[in-house]
């Protein structure tokens, strides 16, 4: 299993875009893809992560958030 961790010091610098492109590329090559956001600034329900919902739909992931 390979793990990629993308980080930056500021929001809005394209982390989600970079990971979406990489994940899509690897998925098209037949690789199994998952998504984990280890730090979420929002509190509340797990489904409150807009990035998580985006990746679940974009990559057609069947696992629960």
N, C-alpha and C. Protein backbone atom coordinates (compact mmCIF):
# COMPACT_ATOMS: atom_id res chain seq x y z
N UNK A 1 0.85 -1.17 0.00
CA UNK A 1 0.00 0.00 0.00
C UNK A 1 0.90 1.23 0.00
N UNK A 2 0.59 2.16 -0.86
CA UNK A 2 1.28 3.44 -0.92
C UNK A 2 0.38 4.51 -0.29
N UNK A 3 0.99 5.46 0.37
CA UNK A 3 0.24 6.54 1.00
C UNK A 3 0.85 7.86 0.55
N UNK A 4 0.00 8.78 0.14
CA UNK A 4 0.43 10.12 -0.22
C UNK A 4 -0.18 11.08 0.80
N UNK A 5 0.62 11.96 1.31
CA UNK A 5 0.16 12.96 2.27
C UNK A 5 0.50 14.33 1.69
N UNK A 6 -0.53 15.10 1.39
CA UNK A 6 -0.34 16.42 0.78
C UNK A 6 -0.73 17.46 1.82
N UNK A 7 0.15 18.41 2.02
CA UNK A 7 -0.09 19.43 3.04
C UNK A 7 0.39 20.79 2.56
N UNK A 8 -0.07 21.81 3.20
CA UNK A 8 0.41 23.17 2.95
C UNK A 8 0.15 23.99 4.21
N UNK A 9 0.69 25.16 4.23
CA UNK A 9 0.51 26.01 5.41
C UNK A 9 -0.75 26.88 5.34
N UNK A 10 -1.41 26.89 4.21
CA UNK A 10 -2.59 27.75 4.05
C UNK A 10 -3.71 27.02 3.32
N UNK A 11 -4.95 27.38 3.61
CA UNK A 11 -6.07 26.80 2.86
C UNK A 11 -6.13 27.39 1.45
N UNK A 12 -6.78 26.68 0.56
CA UNK A 12 -7.01 27.19 -0.79
C UNK A 12 -5.81 27.15 -1.71
N UNK A 13 -4.84 26.29 -1.41
CA UNK A 13 -3.64 26.23 -2.25
C UNK A 13 -3.66 25.08 -3.25
N UNK A 14 -4.76 24.32 -3.34
CA UNK A 14 -4.89 23.29 -4.36
C UNK A 14 -4.62 21.86 -3.91
N UNK A 15 -4.60 21.62 -2.61
CA UNK A 15 -4.34 20.27 -2.11
C UNK A 15 -5.39 19.29 -2.63
N UNK A 16 -6.64 19.64 -2.52
CA UNK A 16 -7.73 18.76 -2.97
C UNK A 16 -7.64 18.51 -4.46
N UNK A 17 -7.33 19.53 -5.24
CA UNK A 17 -7.21 19.38 -6.69
C UNK A 17 -6.07 18.44 -7.06
N UNK A 18 -4.94 18.58 -6.40
CA UNK A 18 -3.79 17.70 -6.66
C UNK A 18 -4.15 16.26 -6.35
N UNK A 19 -4.73 16.01 -5.19
CA UNK A 19 -5.08 14.65 -4.79
C UNK A 19 -6.16 14.08 -5.70
N UNK A 20 -7.13 14.88 -6.11
CA UNK A 20 -8.18 14.39 -7.01
C UNK A 20 -7.57 13.94 -8.33
N UNK A 21 -6.65 14.71 -8.87
CA UNK A 21 -5.99 14.32 -10.12
C UNK A 21 -5.17 13.06 -9.98
N UNK A 22 -4.40 12.97 -8.89
CA UNK A 22 -3.59 11.77 -8.66
C UNK A 22 -4.47 10.54 -8.46
N UNK A 23 -5.51 10.68 -7.64
CA UNK A 23 -6.40 9.55 -7.36
C UNK A 23 -7.09 9.07 -8.63
N UNK A 24 -7.57 9.99 -9.44
CA UNK A 24 -8.22 9.63 -10.70
C UNK A 24 -7.25 8.90 -11.62
N UNK A 25 -6.03 9.39 -11.71
CA UNK A 25 -5.00 8.77 -12.55
C UNK A 25 -4.73 7.33 -12.10
N UNK A 26 -4.51 7.14 -10.82
CA UNK A 26 -4.21 5.81 -10.31
C UNK A 26 -5.41 4.87 -10.43
N UNK A 27 -6.60 5.41 -10.22
CA UNK A 27 -7.81 4.61 -10.33
C UNK A 27 -7.98 4.11 -11.77
N UNK A 28 -7.69 4.95 -12.75
CA UNK A 28 -7.79 4.55 -14.16
C UNK A 28 -6.76 3.48 -14.51
N UNK A 29 -5.68 3.40 -13.73
CA UNK A 29 -4.66 2.36 -13.94
C UNK A 29 -5.04 1.06 -13.22
N UNK A 30 -6.20 1.04 -12.60
CA UNK A 30 -6.67 -0.17 -11.93
C UNK A 30 -6.29 -0.26 -10.46
N UNK A 31 -5.73 0.79 -9.91
CA UNK A 31 -5.34 0.80 -8.50
C UNK A 31 -6.57 1.04 -7.63
N UNK A 32 -6.56 0.46 -6.45
CA UNK A 32 -7.63 0.71 -5.47
C UNK A 32 -7.31 2.01 -4.75
N UNK A 33 -8.31 2.87 -4.62
CA UNK A 33 -8.12 4.20 -4.07
C UNK A 33 -9.00 4.39 -2.84
N UNK A 34 -8.43 5.04 -1.84
CA UNK A 34 -9.19 5.44 -0.67
C UNK A 34 -8.85 6.89 -0.34
N UNK A 35 -9.60 7.46 0.56
CA UNK A 35 -9.38 8.86 0.93
C UNK A 35 -9.47 8.97 2.44
N UNK A 36 -8.52 9.66 3.02
CA UNK A 36 -8.50 9.91 4.45
C UNK A 36 -8.08 11.35 4.70
N UNK A 37 -8.87 12.05 5.45
CA UNK A 37 -8.50 13.41 5.85
C UNK A 37 -8.25 13.36 7.36
N UNK A 38 -6.98 13.30 7.76
CA UNK A 38 -6.69 13.09 9.18
C UNK A 38 -7.05 14.26 10.08
N UNK A 39 -7.14 15.45 9.54
CA UNK A 39 -7.48 16.62 10.34
C UNK A 39 -8.66 17.31 9.67
N UNK A 40 -9.73 17.45 10.41
CA UNK A 40 -10.91 18.13 9.89
C UNK A 40 -11.21 19.31 10.80
N UNK A 41 -11.25 20.49 10.24
CA UNK A 41 -11.46 21.69 11.04
C UNK A 41 -12.92 21.88 11.46
N UNK A 42 -13.84 21.19 10.78
CA UNK A 42 -15.24 21.30 11.13
C UNK A 42 -15.57 20.31 12.24
N UNK A 43 -16.49 20.69 13.10
CA UNK A 43 -16.93 19.78 14.15
C UNK A 43 -18.30 19.25 13.80
N UNK A 44 -18.68 18.19 14.43
CA UNK A 44 -20.01 17.63 14.20
C UNK A 44 -19.93 16.27 13.54
N UNK A 45 -20.92 15.96 12.75
CA UNK A 45 -21.04 14.64 12.13
C UNK A 45 -19.92 14.39 11.13
N UNK A 46 -19.64 13.12 10.94
CA UNK A 46 -18.60 12.71 9.99
C UNK A 46 -18.95 13.22 8.59
N UNK A 47 -20.20 13.25 8.24
CA UNK A 47 -20.62 13.66 6.90
C UNK A 47 -20.47 15.16 6.67
N UNK A 48 -19.97 15.90 7.65
CA UNK A 48 -19.82 17.35 7.48
C UNK A 48 -18.59 17.71 6.65
N UNK A 49 -17.74 16.72 6.33
CA UNK A 49 -16.54 16.99 5.54
C UNK A 49 -16.90 17.11 4.06
N UNK A 50 -16.86 18.33 3.54
CA UNK A 50 -17.20 18.51 2.12
C UNK A 50 -16.17 17.82 1.23
N UNK A 51 -14.89 17.78 1.64
CA UNK A 51 -13.87 17.07 0.85
C UNK A 51 -14.18 15.58 0.81
N UNK A 52 -14.56 15.03 1.94
CA UNK A 52 -14.90 13.60 1.99
C UNK A 52 -16.06 13.27 1.08
N UNK A 53 -17.09 14.09 1.10
CA UNK A 53 -18.23 13.87 0.21
C UNK A 53 -17.83 14.02 -1.25
N UNK A 54 -16.99 15.01 -1.54
CA UNK A 54 -16.51 15.20 -2.91
C UNK A 54 -15.78 13.96 -3.41
N UNK A 55 -14.83 13.45 -2.62
CA UNK A 55 -14.05 12.29 -3.05
C UNK A 55 -14.90 11.03 -3.14
N UNK A 56 -15.85 10.89 -2.24
CA UNK A 56 -16.73 9.73 -2.29
C UNK A 56 -17.49 9.70 -3.62
N UNK A 57 -17.98 10.84 -4.07
CA UNK A 57 -18.70 10.91 -5.33
C UNK A 57 -17.76 10.88 -6.53
N UNK A 58 -16.70 11.66 -6.49
CA UNK A 58 -15.76 11.79 -7.61
C UNK A 58 -15.09 10.45 -7.95
N UNK A 59 -14.70 9.70 -6.91
CA UNK A 59 -14.01 8.43 -7.12
C UNK A 59 -14.95 7.23 -7.06
N UNK A 60 -16.25 7.51 -6.84
CA UNK A 60 -17.26 6.46 -6.75
C UNK A 60 -16.90 5.44 -5.67
N UNK A 61 -16.50 5.95 -4.51
CA UNK A 61 -16.13 5.10 -3.38
C UNK A 61 -17.40 4.59 -2.71
N UNK A 62 -17.41 3.33 -2.33
CA UNK A 62 -18.61 2.74 -1.73
C UNK A 62 -18.54 2.69 -0.20
N UNK A 63 -17.36 2.90 0.37
CA UNK A 63 -17.22 2.86 1.81
C UNK A 63 -17.89 4.07 2.45
N UNK A 64 -18.38 3.88 3.67
CA UNK A 64 -18.99 4.98 4.41
C UNK A 64 -17.90 5.95 4.83
N UNK A 65 -18.28 7.22 4.97
CA UNK A 65 -17.33 8.23 5.47
C UNK A 65 -17.04 7.99 6.92
